[in-house]
């Protein structure tokens, strides 16, 4: 079972089954027309059928291994740095606030791609602009630290 296509098909099948299960809790039809469960039931049902067809066709095709798809070397390190920075943001943002967390995470992402002073400046400006747009203008609550930013 090293065929990547089969695993992708199984993941899609499980995802569609989960969506279908939760969609059954919504009304399929209401007094005024289609209910909120109509489209999720049909779309997840269609995805269930298509994922089963994909799994069957994956067994008939040549095997694609995990190692053939995932990058190696510097590209893999970039992907790991992105995933690590997302995890770091999730962990520190409730305590450090959005502005500080966003600046740190963007610095981690930018340092490898540009000079350090450009990376720091871009990180600070980007985070402050996003904070102002969402928190001030749109009224979206963002995590804040003890200083209110």
Protein backbone atom coordinates (compact mmCIF):
# COMPACT_ATOMS: atom_id res chain seq x y z
CA UNK A 1 0.00 0.00 0.00
CA UNK A 2 2.65 2.51 -1.00
CA UNK A 3 0.54 3.92 -3.81
CA UNK A 4 -0.08 7.59 -3.09
CA UNK A 5 -3.16 7.73 -5.34
CA UNK A 6 -4.91 5.11 -3.23
CA UNK A 7 -4.19 7.04 -0.04
CA UNK A 8 -5.45 10.29 -1.55
CA UNK A 9 -8.63 8.49 -2.63
CA UNK A 10 -9.11 7.03 0.86
CA UNK A 11 -8.63 10.47 2.41
CA UNK A 12 -11.21 11.96 0.02
CA UNK A 13 -13.60 9.11 0.77
CA UNK A 14 -13.32 9.67 4.53
CA UNK A 15 -13.67 13.43 4.11
CA UNK A 16 -16.77 13.06 1.92
CA UNK A 17 -18.27 10.54 4.34
CA UNK A 18 -17.75 12.91 7.25
CA UNK A 19 -19.35 15.81 5.38
CA UNK A 20 -22.24 13.58 4.31
CA UNK A 21 -22.79 12.44 7.91
CA UNK A 22 -22.90 15.98 9.26
CA UNK A 23 -25.04 17.20 6.36
CA UNK A 24 -27.74 14.71 7.33
CA UNK A 25 -28.34 16.71 10.52
CA UNK A 26 -29.58 19.68 8.46
CA UNK A 27 -33.02 19.96 6.89
CA UNK A 28 -33.04 18.70 3.32
CA UNK A 29 -36.12 20.69 2.40
CA UNK A 30 -38.08 23.41 4.21
CA UNK A 31 -41.43 25.21 3.79
CA UNK A 32 -39.95 27.79 1.45
CA UNK A 33 -37.74 25.55 -0.65
CA UNK A 34 -34.42 23.75 -0.44
CA UNK A 35 -33.00 23.54 3.05
CA UNK A 36 -29.44 24.00 4.27
CA UNK A 37 -28.71 20.29 3.87
CA UNK A 38 -29.53 19.99 0.17
CA UNK A 39 -26.22 21.05 -1.35
CA UNK A 40 -23.92 19.43 1.24
CA UNK A 41 -25.72 16.11 0.89
CA UNK A 42 -25.59 16.14 -2.90
CA UNK A 43 -22.04 17.44 -3.16
CA UNK A 44 -20.62 15.08 -0.55
CA UNK A 45 -22.56 12.19 -2.09
CA UNK A 46 -21.06 13.04 -5.47
CA UNK A 47 -17.60 13.26 -3.88
CA UNK A 48 -18.16 9.84 -2.29
CA UNK A 49 -18.92 8.31 -5.67
CA UNK A 50 -16.01 10.06 -7.38
CA UNK A 51 -13.55 9.08 -4.66
CA UNK A 52 -14.57 5.43 -4.96
CA UNK A 53 -14.05 5.66 -8.72
CA UNK A 54 -10.66 7.29 -8.10
CA UNK A 55 -9.58 4.52 -5.74
CA UNK A 56 -10.59 1.85 -8.25
CA UNK A 57 -8.69 3.60 -11.04
CA UNK A 58 -5.66 4.07 -8.75
CA UNK A 59 -5.33 0.31 -8.38
CA UNK A 60 -5.29 -0.05 -12.17
CA UNK A 61 -2.61 2.61 -12.78
CA UNK A 62 1.10 2.53 -12.12
CA UNK A 63 2.11 3.11 -8.55
CA UNK A 64 3.11 6.60 -7.48
CA UNK A 65 5.16 6.52 -4.30
CA UNK A 66 5.28 9.16 -1.58
CA UNK A 67 8.99 9.69 -2.21
CA UNK A 68 8.33 10.53 -5.87
CA UNK A 69 6.00 13.40 -5.00
CA UNK A 70 7.46 15.13 -1.98
CA UNK A 71 10.37 17.51 -2.54
CA UNK A 72 13.88 16.91 -1.32
CA UNK A 73 16.67 19.12 -0.05
CA UNK A 74 16.15 22.88 0.16
CA UNK A 75 12.54 22.75 -1.05
CA UNK A 76 11.60 20.28 1.69
CA UNK A 77 13.27 22.54 4.26
CA UNK A 78 11.18 25.50 3.02
CA UNK A 79 7.98 23.50 3.42
CA UNK A 80 9.00 22.42 6.91
CA UNK A 81 9.83 26.03 7.81
CA UNK A 82 6.38 27.15 6.62
CA UNK A 83 4.60 24.41 8.58
CA UNK A 84 6.72 25.11 11.66
CA UNK A 85 5.99 28.83 11.51
CA UNK A 86 2.24 28.18 11.24
CA UNK A 87 2.45 25.95 14.31
CA UNK A 88 4.51 28.57 16.14
CA UNK A 89 1.93 31.25 15.32
CA UNK A 90 -0.87 29.07 16.65
CA UNK A 91 1.04 28.43 19.86
CA UNK A 92 2.24 31.97 20.68
CA UNK A 93 -0.52 34.23 19.35
CA UNK A 94 -2.88 33.83 22.34
CA UNK A 95 -0.10 35.02 24.66
CA UNK A 96 2.00 37.40 22.56
CA UNK A 97 -0.84 38.89 20.53
CA UNK A 98 -1.34 39.06 16.80
CA UNK A 99 1.12 41.85 16.06
CA UNK A 100 4.13 40.35 17.82
CA UNK A 101 3.34 36.80 16.72
CA UNK A 102 2.78 37.83 13.11
CA UNK A 103 6.02 39.79 13.05
CA UNK A 104 8.04 36.88 14.45
CA UNK A 105 6.50 34.34 12.09
CA UNK A 106 6.90 36.55 9.02
CA UNK A 107 10.53 37.22 9.99
CA UNK A 108 11.14 33.46 10.15
CA UNK A 109 9.62 33.05 6.71
CA UNK A 110 11.32 36.07 5.12
CA UNK A 111 14.84 35.72 6.58
CA UNK A 112 15.76 32.91 4.21
CA UNK A 113 14.51 34.80 1.17
CA UNK A 114 15.75 38.38 1.64
CA UNK A 115 18.23 40.42 3.64
CA UNK A 116 17.54 40.53 7.37
CA UNK A 117 16.73 44.23 7.58
CA UNK A 118 14.35 44.00 4.64
CA UNK A 119 12.74 40.92 6.20
CA UNK A 120 12.23 42.64 9.55
CA UNK A 121 10.84 45.83 7.97
CA UNK A 122 8.50 43.94 5.69
CA UNK A 123 7.32 41.77 8.58
CA UNK A 124 6.54 44.72 10.81
CA UNK A 125 4.79 46.75 8.11
CA UNK A 126 2.74 43.79 6.88
CA UNK A 127 1.63 42.78 10.34
CA UNK A 128 0.69 46.32 11.39
CA UNK A 129 -1.27 46.93 8.17
CA UNK A 130 -3.16 43.63 8.53
CA UNK A 131 -3.86 44.43 12.20
CA UNK A 132 -5.18 47.88 11.35
CA UNK A 133 -7.36 46.63 8.52
CA UNK A 134 -8.95 43.75 10.42
CA UNK A 135 -9.06 45.04 13.97
CA UNK A 136 -9.67 48.75 13.47
CA UNK A 137 -11.55 49.09 10.19
CA UNK A 138 -13.40 45.76 9.94
CA UNK A 139 -13.88 45.17 13.67
CA UNK A 140 -12.56 41.60 13.59
CA UNK A 141 -11.23 40.68 17.04
CA UNK A 142 -7.60 39.57 16.89
CA UNK A 143 -5.49 38.15 19.74
CA UNK A 144 -3.89 40.96 21.76
CA UNK A 145 -1.18 41.01 24.36
CA UNK A 146 -1.12 42.96 27.64
CA UNK A 147 -0.18 46.15 25.75
CA UNK A 148 -3.26 46.00 23.51
CA UNK A 149 -1.50 45.09 20.26
